[in-house]
Amino acid sequence: MISRLYISGVRQIEETSLELREKVLLVGPNGGGKSSVIYSALALLYSISSTRSPAWAVENSFGELRNLVRGDRAVVEGVVGGETHKLVVDREGRAEVDGAPAPAALRRIEVGYFNTHVSVGRWGAQAFTEGVEVRAAEVAAWVEEQLRRLGIASRFHFDSYYSGAWIHTARAAYGVKRALGILLASYGAEAVFGEVYEAGLHYDLGAKIIGRVLAQLDAFVMLETHVPLYVKEALDRGWQVLYMRDGRAFEIADVADLKAIDEEAAWAYAYV
């Protein structure tokens, strides 16, 4: 989906150019630029897509980028599906994509996004405290299949609910509901983005979601995390791992590579 991303003037990022693979994990200290990369990518996709996803954060990212302009203007240029697109936003909020007022509705792109919130507004699905209402039976079937792959399907029962299905989670732990939110955000998406991936997840469940679900998706995936276990899981699965610091990206091929970048960070990952 996104094979190259150039970012200039966005929050911590003065200027950086990233060559991206299909699955990307961003790690690094707070304020290093991880969220800036995600917001930039989201804003670019939103600005060129005719799909106005109801997920609040995807739509909000366009306005968010406007608020994060570092100087006079922010520039995000990327190769999306083999085509190059350029988004420019100035401090007053004026935006253009490929030289025309944004958004441009040049492509149809289904984007999934999640952060610390469990609620997901895609595919007629909503995650609630009591459970997850899915108005499309095929979505419920896919979610049920993924839950089995994660080894937690036995904790749920699926009941008919109007024209769709009801995934009952009244007694489920918050982490399981969080997992459901991630699954719903990922269903059918061409690009999936997740901030603070570890929030609310037991570490072993988070690793399983990366390895058994997200790694298997036919989609571009970009996650942000601070958890060493997920770095190892991502590397073992062949993901691209980028260490972000001071708005710059350093590719990590092995946990030991951190020693050449940040000795303090290397200690944090030493026992993975």
C-alpha atoms as a PDB file:
ATOM      1  CA  MET A   1       0.000   0.000   0.000  1.00  0.00           C
ATOM      2  CA  ILE A   2       2.605   2.594   1.109  1.00  0.00           C
ATOM      3  CA  SER A   3       6.094   1.799  -0.150  1.00  0.00           C
ATOM      4  CA  ARG A   4       7.688   5.195   0.396  1.00  0.00           C
ATOM      5  CA  LEU A   5       6.912   8.120   2.706  1.00  0.00           C
ATOM      6  CA  TYR A   6       8.547  11.540   2.756  1.00  0.00           C
ATOM      7  CA  ILE A   7       7.647  13.816   5.689  1.00  0.00           C
ATOM      8  CA  SER A   8       8.701  17.392   6.254  1.00  0.00           C
ATOM      9  CA  GLY A   9       7.684  19.882   8.932  1.00  0.00           C
ATOM     10  CA  VAL A  10       5.432  17.613  10.996  1.00  0.00           C
ATOM     11  CA  ARG A  11       5.811  17.882  14.780  1.00  0.00           C
ATOM     12  CA  GLN A  12       9.153  16.319  15.796  1.00  0.00           C
ATOM     13  CA  ILE A  13      10.001  15.510  12.185  1.00  0.00           C
ATOM     14  CA  GLU A  14      11.985  18.211  10.434  1.00  0.00           C
ATOM     15  CA  GLU A  15      12.559  16.019   7.401  1.00  0.00           C
ATOM     16  CA  THR A  16      12.746  12.282   6.842  1.00  0.00           C
ATOM     17  CA  SER A  17      12.297   9.798   4.028  1.00  0.00           C
ATOM     18  CA  LEU A  18      11.196   6.223   4.717  1.00  0.00           C
ATOM     19  CA  GLU A  19      11.296   3.208   2.429  1.00  0.00           C
ATOM     20  CA  LEU A  20       8.568   0.978   3.847  1.00  0.00           C
ATOM     21  CA  ARG A  21       7.750  -2.687   3.682  1.00  0.00           C
ATOM     22  CA  GLU A  22       4.258  -4.170   4.002  1.00  0.00           C
ATOM     23  CA  LYS A  23       4.418  -4.644   7.781  1.00  0.00           C
ATOM     24  CA  VAL A  24       6.068  -1.967   9.942  1.00  0.00           C
ATOM     25  CA  LEU A  25       6.636  -1.660  13.695  1.00  0.00           C
ATOM     26  CA  LEU A  26       7.691   1.716  15.098  1.00  0.00           C
ATOM     27  CA  VAL A  27       9.592   1.795  18.413  1.00  0.00           C
ATOM     28  CA  GLY A  28      11.521   4.414  20.307  1.00  0.00           C
ATOM     29  CA  PRO A  29      11.211   7.000  23.091  1.00  0.00           C
ATOM     30  CA  ASN A  30       8.260   9.285  23.707  1.00  0.00           C
ATOM     31  CA  GLY A  31       8.479  12.267  21.405  1.00  0.00           C
ATOM     32  CA  GLY A  32      10.671  10.370  18.955  1.00  0.00           C
ATOM     33  CA  GLY A  33       8.303  10.809  16.020  1.00  0.00           C
ATOM     34  CA  LYS A  34       6.345   7.535  15.943  1.00  0.00           C
ATOM     35  CA  SER A  35       2.895   9.131  16.109  1.00  0.00           C
ATOM     36  CA  SER A  36       3.980  11.829  13.665  1.00  0.00           C
ATOM     37  CA  VAL A  37       4.719   9.130  11.078  1.00  0.00           C
ATOM     38  CA  ILE A  38       1.334   7.483  11.678  1.00  0.00           C
ATOM     39  CA  TYR A  39      -0.599  10.778  11.527  1.00  0.00           C
ATOM     40  CA  SER A  40       1.223  11.745   8.361  1.00  0.00           C
ATOM     41  CA  ALA A  41       0.458   8.435   6.644  1.00  0.00           C
ATOM     42  CA  LEU A  42      -3.172   8.548   7.760  1.00  0.00           C
ATOM     43  CA  ALA A  43      -3.598  12.116   6.565  1.00  0.00           C
ATOM     44  CA  LEU A  44      -2.124  11.281   3.162  1.00  0.00           C
ATOM     45  CA  LEU A  45      -4.408   8.274   2.707  1.00  0.00           C
ATOM     46  CA  TYR A  46      -7.434  10.205   3.912  1.00  0.00           C
ATOM     47  CA  SER A  47      -6.686  13.112   1.581  1.00  0.00           C
ATOM     48  CA  ILE A  48      -6.614  10.942  -1.560  1.00  0.00           C
ATOM     49  CA  SER A  49      -9.366   8.448  -0.694  1.00  0.00           C
ATOM     50  CA  SER A  50     -12.987   8.537  -1.758  1.00  0.00           C
ATOM     51  CA  THR A  51     -13.756   6.280   1.212  1.00  0.00           C
ATOM     52  CA  ARG A  52     -14.755   8.530   4.077  1.00  0.00           C
ATOM     53  CA  SER A  53     -14.235   6.057   6.869  1.00  0.00           C
ATOM     54  CA  PRO A  54     -16.423   6.772   9.922  1.00  0.00           C
ATOM     55  CA  ALA A  55     -13.552   5.856  12.235  1.00  0.00           C
ATOM     56  CA  TRP A  56     -13.179   9.139  14.079  1.00  0.00           C
ATOM     57  CA  ALA A  57      -9.404   9.020  14.283  1.00  0.00           C
ATOM     58  CA  VAL A  58      -8.864   8.479  10.560  1.00  0.00           C
ATOM     59  CA  GLU A  59     -10.942  11.512   9.734  1.00  0.00           C
ATOM     60  CA  ASN A  60      -9.504  13.465  12.645  1.00  0.00           C
ATOM     61  CA  SER A  61      -5.948  12.781  11.495  1.00  0.00           C
ATOM     62  CA  PHE A  62      -6.426  15.188   8.592  1.00  0.00           C
ATOM     63  CA  GLY A  63      -7.202  18.020  10.988  1.00  0.00           C
ATOM     64  CA  GLU A  64      -4.571  16.729  13.388  1.00  0.00           C
ATOM     65  CA  LEU A  65      -1.846  17.139  10.786  1.00  0.00           C
ATOM     66  CA  ARG A  66      -2.890  20.762  10.298  1.00  0.00           C
ATOM     67  CA  ASN A  67      -2.348  21.318  14.024  1.00  0.00           C
ATOM     68  CA  LEU A  68       1.070  19.684  13.948  1.00  0.00           C
ATOM     69  CA  VAL A  69       2.677  21.877  11.290  1.00  0.00           C
ATOM     70  CA  ARG A  70       6.219  22.464  12.496  1.00  0.00           C
ATOM     71  CA  GLY A  71       6.990  25.637  10.531  1.00  0.00           C
ATOM     72  CA  ASP A  72       5.125  27.362   7.747  1.00  0.00           C
ATOM     73  CA  ARG A  73       3.876  24.169   6.158  1.00  0.00           C
ATOM     74  CA  ALA A  74       3.903  20.385   6.404  1.00  0.00           C
ATOM     75  CA  VAL A  75       4.568  18.147   3.429  1.00  0.00           C
ATOM     76  CA  VAL A  76       3.743  14.446   3.181  1.00  0.00           C
ATOM     77  CA  GLU A  77       4.577  12.689  -0.058  1.00  0.00           C
ATOM     78  CA  GLY A  78       4.163   8.991  -0.541  1.00  0.00           C
ATOM     79  CA  VAL A  79       4.029   6.172  -3.032  1.00  0.00           C
ATOM     80  CA  VAL A  80       0.626   4.580  -2.513  1.00  0.00           C
ATOM     81  CA  GLY A  81      -0.201   1.518  -4.576  1.00  0.00           C
ATOM     82  CA  GLY A  82       2.537   2.416  -7.033  1.00  0.00           C
ATOM     83  CA  GLU A  83       1.342   6.009  -7.504  1.00  0.00           C
ATOM     84  CA  THR A  84       2.977   9.093  -6.005  1.00  0.00           C
ATOM     85  CA  HIS A  85       0.794  11.583  -4.129  1.00  0.00           C
ATOM     86  CA  LYS A  86       1.733  14.760  -2.288  1.00  0.00           C
ATOM     87  CA  LEU A  87      -0.146  16.470   0.528  1.00  0.00           C
ATOM     88  CA  VAL A  88       0.736  20.014   1.639  1.00  0.00           C
ATOM     89  CA  VAL A  89      -0.862  21.677   4.684  1.00  0.00           C
ATOM     90  CA  ASP A  90      -0.034  25.200   5.858  1.00  0.00           C
ATOM     91  CA  ARG A  91      -0.348  26.676   9.330  1.00  0.00           C
ATOM     92  CA  GLU A  92      -3.728  28.257   8.472  1.00  0.00           C
ATOM     93  CA  GLY A  93      -5.170  24.856   7.618  1.00  0.00           C
ATOM     94  CA  ARG A  94      -5.194  25.268   3.848  1.00  0.00           C
ATOM     95  CA  ALA A  95      -4.405  21.947   2.220  1.00  0.00           C
ATOM     96  CA  GLU A  96      -3.819  20.639  -1.245  1.00  0.00           C
ATOM     97  CA  VAL A  97      -3.099  17.228  -2.659  1.00  0.00           C
ATOM     98  CA  ASP A  98      -1.250  16.841  -5.942  1.00  0.00           C
ATOM     99  CA  GLY A  99      -1.681  20.573  -6.500  1.00  0.00           C
ATOM    100  CA  ALA A 100      -5.473  20.660  -6.015  1.00  0.00           C
ATOM    101  CA  PRO A 101      -7.579  21.421  -2.908  1.00  0.00           C
ATOM    102  CA  ALA A 102      -7.719  18.451  -0.531  1.00  0.00           C
ATOM    103  CA  PRO A 103      -9.321  16.029  -0.051  1.00  0.00           C
ATOM    104  CA  ALA A 104      -9.115  14.896  -3.659  1.00  0.00           C
ATOM    105  CA  ALA A 105     -10.988  11.534  -3.679  1.00  0.00           C
ATOM    106  CA  LEU A 106      -8.474  10.062  -6.118  1.00  0.00           C
ATOM    107  CA  ARG A 107      -8.665   6.464  -4.874  1.00  0.00           C
ATOM    108  CA  ARG A 108     -10.858   4.211  -2.768  1.00  0.00           C
ATOM    109  CA  ILE A 109      -8.909   3.094   0.274  1.00  0.00           C
ATOM    110  CA  GLU A 110     -10.278   1.230   3.289  1.00  0.00           C
ATOM    111  CA  VAL A 111      -8.275   2.276   6.347  1.00  0.00           C
ATOM    112  CA  GLY A 112      -8.436   0.721   9.811  1.00  0.00           C
ATOM    113  CA  TYR A 113      -7.163   2.599  12.857  1.00  0.00           C
ATOM    114  CA  PHE A 114      -7.096   2.054  16.602  1.00  0.00           C
ATOM    115  CA  ASN A 115      -5.381   3.620  19.583  1.00  0.00           C
ATOM    116  CA  THR A 116      -6.217   3.362  23.291  1.00  0.00           C
ATOM    117  CA  HIS A 117      -9.938   3.351  22.469  1.00  0.00           C
ATOM    118  CA  VAL A 118     -11.770   0.075  21.985  1.00  0.00           C
ATOM    119  CA  SER A 119     -14.645   1.553  19.984  1.00  0.00           C
ATOM    120  CA  VAL A 120     -14.382   1.052  16.249  1.00  0.00           C
ATOM    121  CA  GLY A 121     -16.716   2.652  13.735  1.00  0.00           C
ATOM    122  CA  ARG A 122     -16.088   0.563  10.625  1.00  0.00           C
ATOM    123  CA  TRP A 123     -18.103  -2.014   8.728  1.00  0.00           C
ATOM    124  CA  GLY A 124     -21.278  -1.366  10.734  1.00  0.00           C
ATOM    125  CA  ALA A 125     -19.539  -2.577  13.859  1.00  0.00           C
ATOM    126  CA  GLN A 126     -19.362  -0.991  17.277  1.00  0.00           C
ATOM    127  CA  ALA A 127     -17.422  -2.209  20.288  1.00  0.00           C
ATOM    128  CA  PHE A 128     -19.245  -1.589  23.551  1.00  0.00           C
ATOM    129  CA  THR A 129     -18.623  -2.343  27.211  1.00  0.00           C
ATOM    130  CA  GLU A 130     -21.142  -5.189  27.139  1.00  0.00           C
ATOM    131  CA  GLY A 131     -20.020  -6.704  23.873  1.00  0.00           C
ATOM    132  CA  VAL A 132     -19.538  -6.170  20.193  1.00  0.00           C
ATOM    133  CA  GLU A 133     -22.476  -5.676  17.882  1.00  0.00           C
ATOM    134  CA  VAL A 134     -21.706  -6.677  14.314  1.00  0.00           C
ATOM    135  CA  ARG A 135     -24.427  -5.997  11.766  1.00  0.00           C
ATOM    136  CA  ALA A 136     -22.797  -8.093   9.046  1.00  0.00           C
ATOM    137  CA  ALA A 137     -22.693 -11.859   9.550  1.00  0.00           C
ATOM    138  CA  GLU A 138     -19.540 -12.264   7.442  1.00  0.00           C
ATOM    139  CA  VAL A 139     -17.670  -9.865   9.729  1.00  0.00           C
ATOM    140  CA  ALA A 140     -18.768 -11.812  12.792  1.00  0.00           C
ATOM    141  CA  ALA A 141     -17.654 -15.059  11.149  1.00  0.00           C
ATOM    142  CA  TRP A 142     -14.222 -13.599  10.382  1.00  0.00           C
ATOM    143  CA  VAL A 143     -13.837 -12.285  13.930  1.00  0.00           C
ATOM    144  CA  GLU A 144     -14.839 -15.672  15.337  1.00  0.00           C
ATOM    145  CA  GLU A 145     -12.206 -17.357  13.136  1.00  0.00           C
ATOM    146  CA  GLN A 146      -9.497 -15.004  14.388  1.00  0.00           C
ATOM    147  CA  LEU A 147     -10.510 -15.529  18.004  1.00  0.00           C
ATOM    148  CA  ARG A 148     -10.044 -19.262  17.490  1.00  0.00           C
ATOM    149  CA  ARG A 149      -6.596 -18.641  16.012  1.00  0.00           C
ATOM    150  CA  LEU A 150      -5.777 -16.629  19.116  1.00  0.00           C
ATOM    151  CA  GLY A 151      -7.042 -19.417  21.356  1.00  0.00           C
ATOM    152  CA  ILE A 152      -9.755 -17.388  23.083  1.00  0.00           C
ATOM    153  CA  ALA A 153     -12.882 -18.184  21.057  1.00  0.00           C
ATOM    154  CA  SER A 154     -14.202 -20.582  23.718  1.00  0.00           C
ATOM    155  CA  ARG A 155     -14.852 -17.630  26.023  1.00  0.00           C
ATOM    156  CA  PHE A 156     -17.601 -16.275  23.754  1.00  0.00           C
ATOM    157  CA  HIS A 157     -20.925 -17.289  22.341  1.00  0.00           C
ATOM    158  CA  PHE A 158     -22.434 -15.996  19.128  1.00  0.00           C
ATOM    159  CA  ASP A 159     -26.150 -15.239  18.980  1.00  0.00           C
ATOM    160  CA  SER A 160     -28.353 -14.057  16.158  1.00  0.00           C
ATOM    161  CA  TYR A 161     -28.966 -10.319  16.473  1.00  0.00           C
ATOM    162  CA  TYR A 162     -31.345  -8.808  13.953  1.00  0.00           C
ATOM    163  CA  SER A 163     -29.716  -9.035  10.503  1.00  0.00           C
ATOM    164  CA  GLY A 164     -26.232  -9.644  11.858  1.00  0.00           C
ATOM    165  CA  ALA A 165     -24.658 -11.234  14.872  1.00  0.00           C
ATOM    166  CA  TRP A 166     -23.895 -10.412  18.483  1.00  0.00           C
ATOM    167  CA  ILE A 167     -20.536 -11.304  19.956  1.00  0.00           C
ATOM    168  CA  HIS A 168     -21.254 -11.396  23.659  1.00  0.00           C
ATOM    169  CA  THR A 169     -18.396 -10.197  25.873  1.00  0.00           C
ATOM    170  CA  ALA A 170     -20.135  -9.193  29.082  1.00  0.00           C
ATOM    171  CA  ARG A 171     -17.745 -11.256  31.195  1.00  0.00           C
ATOM    172  CA  ALA A 172     -14.671 -10.757  29.067  1.00  0.00           C
ATOM    173  CA  ALA A 173     -11.621  -8.935  30.368  1.00  0.00           C
ATOM    174  CA  TYR A 174     -10.829  -5.520  28.995  1.00  0.00           C
ATOM    175  CA  GLY A 175      -7.850  -6.952  27.128  1.00  0.00           C
ATOM    176  CA  VAL A 176     -10.107  -9.335  25.216  1.00  0.00           C
ATOM    177  CA  LYS A 177     -12.436  -6.475  24.301  1.00  0.00           C
ATOM    178  CA  ARG A 178      -9.373  -4.545  23.210  1.00  0.00           C
ATOM    179  CA  ALA A 179      -8.409  -7.488  20.981  1.00  0.00           C
ATOM    180  CA  LEU A 180     -11.889  -7.435  19.456  1.00  0.00           C
ATOM    181  CA  GLY A 181     -11.532  -3.754  18.697  1.00  0.00           C
ATOM    182  CA  ILE A 182      -8.239  -4.429  16.902  1.00  0.00           C
ATOM    183  CA  LEU A 183      -9.821  -7.250  14.900  1.00  0.00           C
ATOM    184  CA  LEU A 184     -12.750  -5.084  13.844  1.00  0.00           C
ATOM    185  CA  ALA A 185     -10.422  -2.271  12.806  1.00  0.00           C
ATOM    186  CA  SER A 186      -8.433  -4.761  10.726  1.00  0.00           C
ATOM    187  CA  TYR A 187     -11.276  -6.524   8.931  1.00  0.00           C
ATOM    188  CA  GLY A 188     -11.261  -5.805   5.212  1.00  0.00           C
ATOM    189  CA  ALA A 189      -8.811  -2.928   5.535  1.00  0.00           C
ATOM    190  CA  GLU A 190      -6.117  -2.227   2.966  1.00  0.00           C
ATOM    191  CA  ALA A 191      -4.078  -0.322   5.542  1.00  0.00           C
ATOM    192  CA  VAL A 192      -4.148  -0.777   9.335  1.00  0.00           C
ATOM    193  CA  PHE A 193      -2.612   1.669  11.813  1.00  0.00           C
ATOM    194  CA  GLY A 194      -2.342   1.237  15.577  1.00  0.00           C
ATOM    195  CA  GLU A 195      -1.012   3.617  18.212  1.00  0.00           C
ATOM    196  CA  VAL A 196      -0.001   2.495  21.704  1.00  0.00           C
ATOM    197  CA  TYR A 197      -0.540  -1.053  20.510  1.00  0.00           C
ATOM    198  CA  GLU A 198       0.125  -2.606  23.901  1.00  0.00           C
ATOM    199  CA  ALA A 199      -2.589  -0.636  25.753  1.00  0.00           C
ATOM    200  CA  GLY A 200      -4.881  -3.035  27.595  1.00  0.00           C
ATOM    201  CA  LEU A 201      -3.335  -6.188  26.123  1.00  0.00           C
ATOM    202  CA  HIS A 202      -1.587  -8.968  27.985  1.00  0.00           C
ATOM    203  CA  TYR A 203       1.822  -9.221  26.370  1.00  0.00           C
ATOM    204  CA  ASP A 204       1.314 -12.790  25.176  1.00  0.00           C
ATOM    205  CA  LEU A 205      -2.026 -11.925  23.549  1.00  0.00           C
ATOM    206  CA  GLY A 206      -0.487  -8.884  21.879  1.00  0.00           C
ATOM    207  CA  ALA A 207       2.282 -11.065  20.443  1.00  0.00           C
ATOM    208  CA  LYS A 208      -0.258 -13.587  19.159  1.00  0.00           C
ATOM    209  CA  ILE A 209      -2.268 -10.864  17.429  1.00  0.00           C
ATOM    210  CA  ILE A 210       0.884  -9.660  15.665  1.00  0.00           C
ATOM    211  CA  GLY A 211       1.971 -13.145  14.615  1.00  0.00           C
ATOM    212  CA  ARG A 212      -1.318 -14.953  14.002  1.00  0.00           C
ATOM    213  CA  VAL A 213      -3.562 -12.157  12.711  1.00  0.00           C
ATOM    214  CA  LEU A 214      -1.842  -8.952  11.619  1.00  0.00           C
ATOM    215  CA  ALA A 215       1.116 -10.716   9.984  1.00  0.00           C
ATOM    216  CA  GLN A 216      -1.352 -12.772   7.925  1.00  0.00           C
ATOM    217  CA  LEU A 217      -3.392  -9.834   6.640  1.00  0.00           C
ATOM    218  CA  ASP A 218      -3.220  -8.929   2.984  1.00  0.00           C
ATOM    219  CA  ALA A 219      -2.810  -5.308   4.040  1.00  0.00           C
ATOM    220  CA  PHE A 220      -0.268  -2.666   4.935  1.00  0.00           C
ATOM    221  CA  VAL A 221       0.166  -2.593   8.725  1.00  0.00           C
ATOM    222  CA  MET A 222       1.937   0.041  10.827  1.00  0.00           C
ATOM    223  CA  LEU A 223       2.001  -0.232  14.630  1.00  0.00           C
ATOM    224  CA  GLU A 224       3.586   1.884  17.352  1.00  0.00           C
ATOM    225  CA  THR A 225       4.786   0.266  20.579  1.00  0.00           C
ATOM    226  CA  HIS A 226       7.213   0.470  23.490  1.00  0.00           C
ATOM    227  CA  VAL A 227       7.225  -3.268  24.293  1.00  0.00           C
ATOM    228  CA  PRO A 228      10.442  -5.258  23.608  1.00  0.00           C
ATOM    229  CA  LEU A 229       8.525  -8.526  23.200  1.00  0.00           C
ATOM    230  CA  TYR A 230       6.693  -7.098  20.202  1.00  0.00           C
ATOM    231  CA  VAL A 231       9.966  -6.018  18.615  1.00  0.00           C
ATOM    232  CA  LYS A 232      11.174  -9.615  18.774  1.00  0.00           C
ATOM    233  CA  GLU A 233       7.846 -10.978  17.508  1.00  0.00           C
ATOM    234  CA  ALA A 234       7.837  -8.543  14.595  1.00  0.00           C
ATOM    235  CA  LEU A 235      11.444  -9.322  13.666  1.00  0.00           C
ATOM    236  CA  ASP A 236      10.758 -13.058  13.859  1.00  0.00           C
ATOM    237  CA  ARG A 237       7.833 -12.566  11.469  1.00  0.00           C
ATOM    238  CA  GLY A 238       9.895 -10.604   8.981  1.00  0.00           C
ATOM    239  CA  TRP A 239       8.437  -7.180   9.762  1.00  0.00           C
ATOM    240  CA  GLN A 240      10.327  -3.962   9.232  1.00  0.00           C
ATOM    241  CA  VAL A 241      11.227  -2.412  12.595  1.00  0.00           C
ATOM    242  CA  LEU A 242      12.078   1.293  12.701  1.00  0.00           C
ATOM    243  CA  TYR A 243      13.533   2.936  15.787  1.00  0.00           C
ATOM    244  CA  MET A 244      12.357   6.580  15.901  1.00  0.00           C
ATOM    245  CA  ARG A 245      14.384   9.174  17.780  1.00  0.00           C
ATOM    246  CA  ASP A 246      14.395  12.954  17.355  1.00  0.00           C
ATOM    247  CA  GLY A 247      12.273  12.637  14.233  1.00  0.00           C
ATOM    248  CA  ARG A 248      14.722  10.291  12.529  1.00  0.00           C
ATOM    249  CA  ALA A 249      14.281   6.623  11.668  1.00  0.00           C
ATOM    250  CA  PHE A 250      16.864   3.865  12.125  1.00  0.00           C
ATOM    251  CA  GLU A 251      16.087   0.418  10.744  1.00  0.00           C
ATOM    252  CA  ILE A 252      16.520  -2.466  13.194  1.00  0.00           C
ATOM    253  CA  ALA A 253      17.337  -5.877  11.739  1.00  0.00           C
ATOM    254  CA  ASP A 254      18.197  -7.401  15.117  1.00  0.00           C
ATOM    255  CA  VAL A 255      17.673  -6.352  18.718  1.00  0.00           C
ATOM    256  CA  ALA A 256      21.458  -6.048  19.004  1.00  0.00           C
ATOM    257  CA  ASP A 257      21.350  -3.249  16.420  1.00  0.00           C
ATOM    258  CA  LEU A 258      20.002  -0.959  19.132  1.00  0.00           C
ATOM    259  CA  LYS A 259      23.443  -0.854  20.714  1.00  0.00           C
ATOM    260  CA  ALA A 260      24.696   1.240  17.819  1.00  0.00           C
ATOM    261  CA  ILE A 261      21.785   3.650  18.164  1.00  0.00           C
ATOM    262  CA  ASP A 262      20.867   3.954  21.809  1.00  0.00           C
ATOM    263  CA  GLU A 263      22.781   2.152  24.562  1.00  0.00           C
ATOM    264  CA  GLU A 264      20.028   2.843  27.103  1.00  0.00           C
ATOM    265  CA  ALA A 265      17.399   1.365  24.785  1.00  0.00           C
ATOM    266  CA  ALA A 266      19.633  -1.646  24.190  1.00  0.00           C
ATOM    267  CA  TRP A 267      19.531  -2.479  27.907  1.00  0.00           C
ATOM    268  CA  ALA A 268      15.736  -2.343  27.876  1.00  0.00           C
ATOM    269  CA  TYR A 269      15.647  -4.924  25.078  1.00  0.00           C
ATOM    270  CA  ALA A 270      18.591  -7.000  26.259  1.00  0.00           C
ATOM    271  CA  TYR A 271      16.583  -9.860  27.753  1.00  0.00           C
ATOM    272  CA  VAL A 272      14.116 -10.354  24.923  1.00  0.00           C
END
